[in-house]
Amino acid sequence: MGFNTLNIDPIRQTFLDGRTKGIPGTSEPFALDKIADKNWNVLREDMPLPLMVLKRANLDYNTDLFANYLRINDLSLAPHGKTTMSPQLFDEQLRCGAWGITAATVNQIQVMRKYGINRIVLANQLIGKSNVQTVVSEINADPEFEFFCFVDSIGQIENIEQSLHGIPQNRPIGVLVEVGAMGGRTGLRDRSQALAVISEISKRPDRFKFCGVGAFEGAIPGLDKSATPVAIYADLILDIVRAIPQSAYHDLDEFILTGGGSSHFDIIAERFKSLDMSIPVRVLLRSGCYLTNDHGAYRSAQEDARLDPSRQWYSEFRPALEVWSYVQSVPEPHLGFLTMGKRDVPFDAGLPVPFKRFRPGSGFMDVGECEIFNTNDQHAYVRLGADTSWQVGDMICSGISHPCTAFDKWRFMPIVTDDYDVIDGILTYF
């Protein structure tokens, strides 16, 4: 299967108006593909704040940087779509060489299929009648659709079978046996469990097709202390894969071995690349946050990787997400409030970090000593230093931590130049 072109024209023809967060209330309804014609600029206050923006130059830089890494290391990519849930960004990722797109839920699969994605990895367990039947209906309806899901128990296999009772399948469901870590998230914990599940899969060739092994290293215990558990986990996975009998995969064109979130993908890639089998191995990363990176958790993870002499990552992604808000009140010395809160920014992996200040009519100014230390639904609490000259109406630009819980706060995001001219926009579908 070749390059997958998505049908995103309906998105670009979607009309926006003042009911959409980020669109001025004075604007007449317009199609998204006409947004550049508005000649809006964020710093001119042409759009209401708070406003989360995507920096075009940094998106392109990150895309090129990761594509080069994948090419040099002979790796494939199915980026996690849950990060952005934007078919327009999926389209860019596929055009830049992504092998497929990863989903976490069947609802996300439904969005992806709506816009024509024909290769999807569900990096999660497929469970429940409605979910199972939805997936199989897509498989039955489209011979070009390639689907893979994680399986980590005989109970899950039986649940899928029960959900499909009396329903024919044109093709079996592609399954990747998931290996987990003790004390971690989903996934089989040892070799004997994995081999038992693979054996059960082989007994049901009309329902299932064993295609490889899946993993996720981002939720294993001990990562707050060092990256060593990732290497141990990867070696466990390789030990299990090497124990799989050739009869389980002799009829495959390739064996899929997939892992790699956005923090430790280099370790996973280096370990997985060492696997030698009787058939070709596709080492498939699923990093999603590489596209935007951030100013928090992922930026810190990238810095840790570059400083670790045992790691194989030497580059630096650029943060492409920013959120702009106004100073709305300075009611006490050293205390300010911004016009953004939990409805607008992520707070699960660290609070936003202010790093730019712009005063309309005056220009950029030193942001000064400041720290966001709390958020309500629509407010951010800021601790101000003694020399901070923040005024009501100042525009503050903050970096966020964790893109996956940033995109879901915005149905619409403008794409801007480094001068904050609005040149395009995306829609999200959470």
Foldseek 3Di string as FASTA:
>chain_A
DDQWAWQCVVQQQDWDAPVFQFHDNPDDIDGQVCVLVVFDFVQQVNTDDFAKAFAPVLLVVLLVVVLVVCVVLVAAEAAECLLFQFVVVVNVNSVSHHPFHEYQALVSVVSCVVGGGQEYEHAYQQADLVSLVVVQVVVQVDVSHAYEYEDAAVVSVVRSCVSCVPPFGPAAHEYAYEDEDVVWDDHYHAQVSSQVVLVVQVVCRRHYAYAAHEYEDPTDPDVVPHCVVVLVSLVRRLVNVVPHDCVSPVPPQEHEYEYAELQQNQSNSVSVSPDDDPHHYHYYYHYHCSSAQWPFDSQVSLVRQCVDPVTDHNDHRDHGMKTKWWFADDPDVQKTKTFAFLLAADPPRHAWAWAWKAAVPPGTDGQADKDFDHGDHGMTIMGHDNPGDGDTRIMTMTIGPRSSSRSVSRQKHFHAHPSRGGNGMTGRDD
